[in-house]
N, C-alpha and C. Protein backbone atom coordinates (compact mmCIF):
# COMPACT_ATOMS: atom_id res chain seq x y z
N MET A 1 -4.69 13.99 -52.62
CA MET A 1 -4.10 13.79 -51.30
C MET A 1 -2.59 13.89 -51.42
N SER A 2 -1.97 14.55 -50.47
CA SER A 2 -0.52 14.72 -50.49
C SER A 2 0.19 13.41 -50.13
N LYS A 3 1.47 13.40 -50.36
CA LYS A 3 2.27 12.20 -50.08
C LYS A 3 2.26 11.86 -48.59
N LYS A 4 2.36 12.92 -47.73
CA LYS A 4 2.32 12.69 -46.29
C LYS A 4 0.97 12.14 -45.85
N GLY A 5 -0.11 12.62 -46.46
CA GLY A 5 -1.44 12.14 -46.12
C GLY A 5 -1.61 10.67 -46.47
N ILE A 6 -1.04 10.27 -47.59
CA ILE A 6 -1.11 8.86 -48.01
C ILE A 6 -0.33 7.99 -47.03
N VAL A 7 0.85 8.45 -46.62
CA VAL A 7 1.68 7.69 -45.68
C VAL A 7 0.97 7.53 -44.34
N LYS A 8 0.37 8.61 -43.84
CA LYS A 8 -0.34 8.54 -42.56
C LYS A 8 -1.56 7.62 -42.64
N ASP A 9 -2.28 7.68 -43.75
CA ASP A 9 -3.43 6.80 -43.93
C ASP A 9 -3.00 5.34 -43.97
N LEU A 10 -1.91 5.06 -44.67
CA LEU A 10 -1.38 3.70 -44.74
C LEU A 10 -0.93 3.23 -43.36
N ALA A 11 -0.29 4.12 -42.59
CA ALA A 11 0.15 3.77 -41.23
C ALA A 11 -1.04 3.43 -40.35
N ARG A 12 -2.13 4.21 -40.43
CA ARG A 12 -3.33 3.92 -39.63
C ARG A 12 -3.92 2.56 -39.99
N GLN A 13 -3.95 2.25 -41.29
CA GLN A 13 -4.47 0.96 -41.73
C GLN A 13 -3.61 -0.18 -41.18
N ARG A 14 -2.29 -0.03 -41.23
CA ARG A 14 -1.38 -1.06 -40.72
C ARG A 14 -1.53 -1.25 -39.21
N ILE A 15 -1.72 -0.14 -38.50
CA ILE A 15 -1.89 -0.22 -37.04
C ILE A 15 -3.15 -1.02 -36.72
N ARG A 16 -4.25 -0.74 -37.39
CA ARG A 16 -5.50 -1.49 -37.14
C ARG A 16 -5.33 -2.97 -37.47
N TRP A 17 -4.66 -3.25 -38.59
CA TRP A 17 -4.46 -4.62 -39.04
C TRP A 17 -3.58 -5.38 -38.04
N LEU A 18 -2.48 -4.76 -37.60
CA LEU A 18 -1.59 -5.41 -36.63
C LEU A 18 -2.28 -5.60 -35.28
N PHE A 19 -3.13 -4.65 -34.89
CA PHE A 19 -3.85 -4.80 -33.62
C PHE A 19 -4.80 -5.99 -33.69
N ASN A 20 -5.49 -6.17 -34.80
CA ASN A 20 -6.38 -7.32 -34.95
C ASN A 20 -5.60 -8.63 -34.90
N LEU A 21 -4.41 -8.65 -35.54
CA LEU A 21 -3.57 -9.85 -35.49
C LEU A 21 -3.09 -10.12 -34.06
N ALA A 22 -2.70 -9.07 -33.34
CA ALA A 22 -2.23 -9.23 -31.96
C ALA A 22 -3.34 -9.75 -31.06
N ALA A 23 -4.56 -9.24 -31.25
CA ALA A 23 -5.70 -9.71 -30.45
C ALA A 23 -5.99 -11.18 -30.74
N GLU A 24 -5.90 -11.56 -31.98
CA GLU A 24 -6.13 -12.96 -32.37
C GLU A 24 -5.08 -13.88 -31.74
N GLU A 25 -3.81 -13.47 -31.76
CA GLU A 25 -2.74 -14.27 -31.18
C GLU A 25 -2.87 -14.35 -29.66
N THR A 26 -3.34 -13.28 -29.03
CA THR A 26 -3.55 -13.28 -27.58
C THR A 26 -4.64 -14.28 -27.21
N ARG A 27 -5.71 -14.31 -27.99
CA ARG A 27 -6.79 -15.28 -27.72
C ARG A 27 -6.30 -16.72 -27.84
N LYS A 28 -5.31 -16.95 -28.74
CA LYS A 28 -4.77 -18.29 -28.92
C LYS A 28 -3.70 -18.63 -27.88
N GLY A 29 -3.29 -17.64 -27.07
CA GLY A 29 -2.29 -17.88 -26.04
C GLY A 29 -0.87 -17.68 -26.50
N ARG A 30 -0.66 -17.12 -27.68
CA ARG A 30 0.68 -16.86 -28.21
C ARG A 30 1.08 -15.43 -27.84
N TYR A 31 1.49 -15.24 -26.60
CA TYR A 31 1.74 -13.89 -26.07
C TYR A 31 2.98 -13.25 -26.66
N GLU A 32 4.02 -14.03 -26.94
CA GLU A 32 5.25 -13.45 -27.50
C GLU A 32 5.00 -12.85 -28.88
N ARG A 33 4.23 -13.54 -29.69
CA ARG A 33 3.92 -13.02 -31.03
C ARG A 33 3.04 -11.77 -30.92
N ALA A 34 2.10 -11.78 -29.98
CA ALA A 34 1.24 -10.61 -29.77
C ALA A 34 2.07 -9.41 -29.33
N LYS A 35 3.05 -9.65 -28.46
CA LYS A 35 3.94 -8.57 -28.02
C LYS A 35 4.72 -8.00 -29.19
N ARG A 36 5.17 -8.85 -30.08
CA ARG A 36 5.92 -8.38 -31.26
C ARG A 36 5.02 -7.50 -32.14
N TYR A 37 3.78 -7.90 -32.32
CA TYR A 37 2.86 -7.08 -33.12
C TYR A 37 2.63 -5.71 -32.47
N THR A 38 2.53 -5.67 -31.15
CA THR A 38 2.33 -4.37 -30.50
C THR A 38 3.60 -3.51 -30.59
N GLU A 39 4.77 -4.14 -30.58
CA GLU A 39 6.01 -3.38 -30.79
C GLU A 39 6.01 -2.75 -32.18
N LEU A 40 5.55 -3.51 -33.18
CA LEU A 40 5.47 -2.98 -34.54
C LEU A 40 4.47 -1.82 -34.63
N ILE A 41 3.37 -1.92 -33.88
CA ILE A 41 2.38 -0.83 -33.85
C ILE A 41 3.05 0.45 -33.35
N MET A 42 3.82 0.34 -32.27
CA MET A 42 4.50 1.51 -31.71
C MET A 42 5.50 2.10 -32.69
N LYS A 43 6.25 1.24 -33.38
CA LYS A 43 7.24 1.72 -34.34
C LYS A 43 6.58 2.42 -35.52
N ILE A 44 5.50 1.84 -36.03
CA ILE A 44 4.80 2.45 -37.16
C ILE A 44 4.24 3.81 -36.79
N ALA A 45 3.67 3.91 -35.59
CA ALA A 45 3.12 5.19 -35.13
C ALA A 45 4.23 6.24 -35.00
N GLU A 46 5.37 5.81 -34.52
CA GLU A 46 6.49 6.75 -34.36
C GLU A 46 7.03 7.19 -35.72
N LYS A 47 7.24 6.24 -36.62
CA LYS A 47 7.78 6.56 -37.93
C LYS A 47 6.81 7.39 -38.76
N GLY A 48 5.50 7.07 -38.66
CA GLY A 48 4.50 7.80 -39.42
C GLY A 48 4.08 9.10 -38.77
N ASN A 49 4.59 9.36 -37.54
CA ASN A 49 4.29 10.57 -36.79
C ASN A 49 2.77 10.74 -36.59
N ILE A 50 2.13 9.65 -36.13
CA ILE A 50 0.69 9.68 -35.86
C ILE A 50 0.44 9.17 -34.46
N LYS A 51 -0.71 9.55 -33.91
CA LYS A 51 -1.12 9.05 -32.61
C LYS A 51 -1.82 7.70 -32.77
N ILE A 52 -1.58 6.83 -31.81
CA ILE A 52 -2.30 5.56 -31.78
C ILE A 52 -3.69 5.87 -31.26
N PRO A 53 -4.75 5.37 -31.92
CA PRO A 53 -6.11 5.64 -31.44
C PRO A 53 -6.30 5.22 -29.99
N ARG A 54 -7.09 5.99 -29.24
CA ARG A 54 -7.28 5.76 -27.81
C ARG A 54 -7.76 4.35 -27.51
N LEU A 55 -8.69 3.84 -28.30
CA LEU A 55 -9.23 2.50 -28.09
C LEU A 55 -8.12 1.45 -28.16
N ILE A 56 -7.22 1.60 -29.13
CA ILE A 56 -6.12 0.65 -29.29
C ILE A 56 -5.09 0.85 -28.18
N LYS A 57 -4.77 2.10 -27.88
CA LYS A 57 -3.75 2.38 -26.86
C LYS A 57 -4.16 1.86 -25.49
N ARG A 58 -5.43 2.01 -25.14
CA ARG A 58 -5.91 1.52 -23.85
C ARG A 58 -6.04 0.00 -23.82
N SER A 59 -6.00 -0.63 -24.98
CA SER A 59 -6.13 -2.08 -25.05
C SER A 59 -4.79 -2.80 -25.07
N ILE A 60 -3.71 -2.04 -24.88
CA ILE A 60 -2.37 -2.63 -24.85
C ILE A 60 -1.76 -2.36 -23.48
N CYS A 61 -1.23 -3.40 -22.85
CA CYS A 61 -0.59 -3.25 -21.54
C CYS A 61 0.68 -2.42 -21.70
N SER A 62 0.81 -1.38 -20.89
CA SER A 62 1.99 -0.51 -20.96
C SER A 62 3.25 -1.18 -20.43
N ASN A 63 3.10 -2.20 -19.61
CA ASN A 63 4.25 -2.86 -19.01
C ASN A 63 4.76 -4.01 -19.87
N CYS A 64 3.90 -4.96 -20.21
CA CYS A 64 4.36 -6.14 -20.93
C CYS A 64 4.05 -6.10 -22.42
N GLY A 65 3.13 -5.24 -22.86
CA GLY A 65 2.87 -5.07 -24.29
C GLY A 65 1.90 -6.04 -24.91
N VAL A 66 1.20 -6.82 -24.12
CA VAL A 66 0.23 -7.76 -24.67
C VAL A 66 -1.13 -7.08 -24.78
N VAL A 67 -1.97 -7.56 -25.70
CA VAL A 67 -3.30 -6.99 -25.88
C VAL A 67 -4.18 -7.40 -24.70
N LEU A 68 -4.90 -6.43 -24.14
CA LEU A 68 -5.74 -6.68 -22.97
C LEU A 68 -7.14 -7.07 -23.42
N ILE A 69 -7.51 -8.31 -23.13
CA ILE A 69 -8.83 -8.84 -23.47
C ILE A 69 -9.49 -9.27 -22.16
N PRO A 70 -10.64 -8.68 -21.82
CA PRO A 70 -11.30 -9.02 -20.56
C PRO A 70 -11.52 -10.52 -20.40
N GLY A 71 -11.15 -11.04 -19.25
CA GLY A 71 -11.32 -12.46 -18.96
C GLY A 71 -10.15 -13.30 -19.36
N ILE A 72 -9.33 -12.84 -20.29
CA ILE A 72 -8.16 -13.60 -20.74
C ILE A 72 -6.89 -12.98 -20.18
N THR A 73 -6.68 -11.70 -20.45
CA THR A 73 -5.49 -11.01 -19.97
C THR A 73 -5.82 -9.76 -19.17
N LEU A 74 -7.10 -9.49 -18.94
CA LEU A 74 -7.49 -8.26 -18.27
C LEU A 74 -8.57 -8.52 -17.23
N SER A 75 -8.38 -7.91 -16.06
CA SER A 75 -9.38 -7.92 -15.00
C SER A 75 -9.86 -6.49 -14.82
N ILE A 76 -11.16 -6.26 -14.89
CA ILE A 76 -11.72 -4.92 -14.77
C ILE A 76 -12.58 -4.85 -13.52
N ARG A 77 -12.39 -3.78 -12.74
CA ARG A 77 -13.18 -3.55 -11.54
C ARG A 77 -13.60 -2.10 -11.50
N LEU A 78 -14.76 -1.83 -10.88
CA LEU A 78 -15.21 -0.47 -10.62
C LEU A 78 -14.97 -0.19 -9.15
N ARG A 79 -14.30 0.91 -8.86
CA ARG A 79 -13.98 1.27 -7.48
C ARG A 79 -14.68 2.58 -7.12
N GLY A 80 -15.21 2.64 -5.92
CA GLY A 80 -15.86 3.85 -5.44
C GLY A 80 -17.28 3.96 -5.97
N GLU A 81 -17.98 4.94 -5.46
CA GLU A 81 -19.35 5.20 -5.90
C GLU A 81 -19.53 6.68 -6.11
N GLY A 82 -20.47 7.04 -6.96
CA GLY A 82 -20.77 8.45 -7.19
C GLY A 82 -19.70 9.14 -8.01
N ARG A 83 -19.36 10.37 -7.62
CA ARG A 83 -18.41 11.18 -8.39
C ARG A 83 -16.99 10.64 -8.35
N GLY A 84 -16.63 9.98 -7.28
CA GLY A 84 -15.26 9.51 -7.13
C GLY A 84 -15.00 8.12 -7.70
N SER A 85 -15.94 7.59 -8.45
CA SER A 85 -15.77 6.24 -8.96
C SER A 85 -14.79 6.23 -10.14
N HIS A 86 -14.11 5.11 -10.31
CA HIS A 86 -13.19 4.95 -11.41
C HIS A 86 -13.06 3.48 -11.79
N VAL A 87 -12.53 3.24 -12.98
CA VAL A 87 -12.33 1.90 -13.49
C VAL A 87 -10.89 1.50 -13.19
N VAL A 88 -10.70 0.31 -12.65
CA VAL A 88 -9.37 -0.22 -12.39
C VAL A 88 -9.16 -1.41 -13.32
N ALA A 89 -8.17 -1.28 -14.21
CA ALA A 89 -7.83 -2.35 -15.15
C ALA A 89 -6.51 -2.97 -14.72
N ARG A 90 -6.48 -4.31 -14.61
CA ARG A 90 -5.27 -5.01 -14.18
C ARG A 90 -4.92 -6.09 -15.21
N CYS A 91 -3.66 -6.05 -15.65
CA CYS A 91 -3.16 -7.08 -16.56
C CYS A 91 -2.95 -8.36 -15.75
N MET A 92 -3.49 -9.46 -16.24
CA MET A 92 -3.39 -10.73 -15.52
C MET A 92 -2.04 -11.42 -15.74
N LEU A 93 -1.23 -10.93 -16.68
CA LEU A 93 0.07 -11.54 -16.94
C LEU A 93 1.17 -10.91 -16.10
N CYS A 94 1.17 -9.56 -16.00
CA CYS A 94 2.29 -8.90 -15.30
C CYS A 94 1.84 -8.14 -14.06
N GLY A 95 0.53 -7.96 -13.85
CA GLY A 95 0.04 -7.28 -12.68
C GLY A 95 -0.05 -5.76 -12.81
N TRP A 96 0.22 -5.23 -13.98
CA TRP A 96 0.16 -3.78 -14.22
C TRP A 96 -1.25 -3.27 -13.96
N VAL A 97 -1.39 -2.09 -13.33
CA VAL A 97 -2.69 -1.53 -12.98
C VAL A 97 -2.82 -0.16 -13.61
N LYS A 98 -3.98 0.10 -14.20
CA LYS A 98 -4.30 1.41 -14.77
C LYS A 98 -5.67 1.82 -14.26
N ARG A 99 -5.76 3.06 -13.80
CA ARG A 99 -7.03 3.59 -13.31
C ARG A 99 -7.52 4.67 -14.24
N TYR A 100 -8.78 4.58 -14.65
CA TYR A 100 -9.39 5.59 -15.53
C TYR A 100 -10.42 6.36 -14.73
């Protein structure tokens, strides 16, 4: 494996580890620490020149940076029926809304 491949693999491991720590801190109600962990995730992804996995990226509020956990920091609703239906995710801390 090349040196760049090793760095990218290490960055992915760190991102997963920091995301788990941020989720744990969010469950405990320590939102400032969780926000710091998500800031570090963004920095590592930028420095390592890698994309943040979709599952992790959608689980972080784009406005306040806290991990979105249903029932704690996230409200999920289904809007519409049939072909026009979509998921509406709302952060319970800052009110940010994302539609999928």
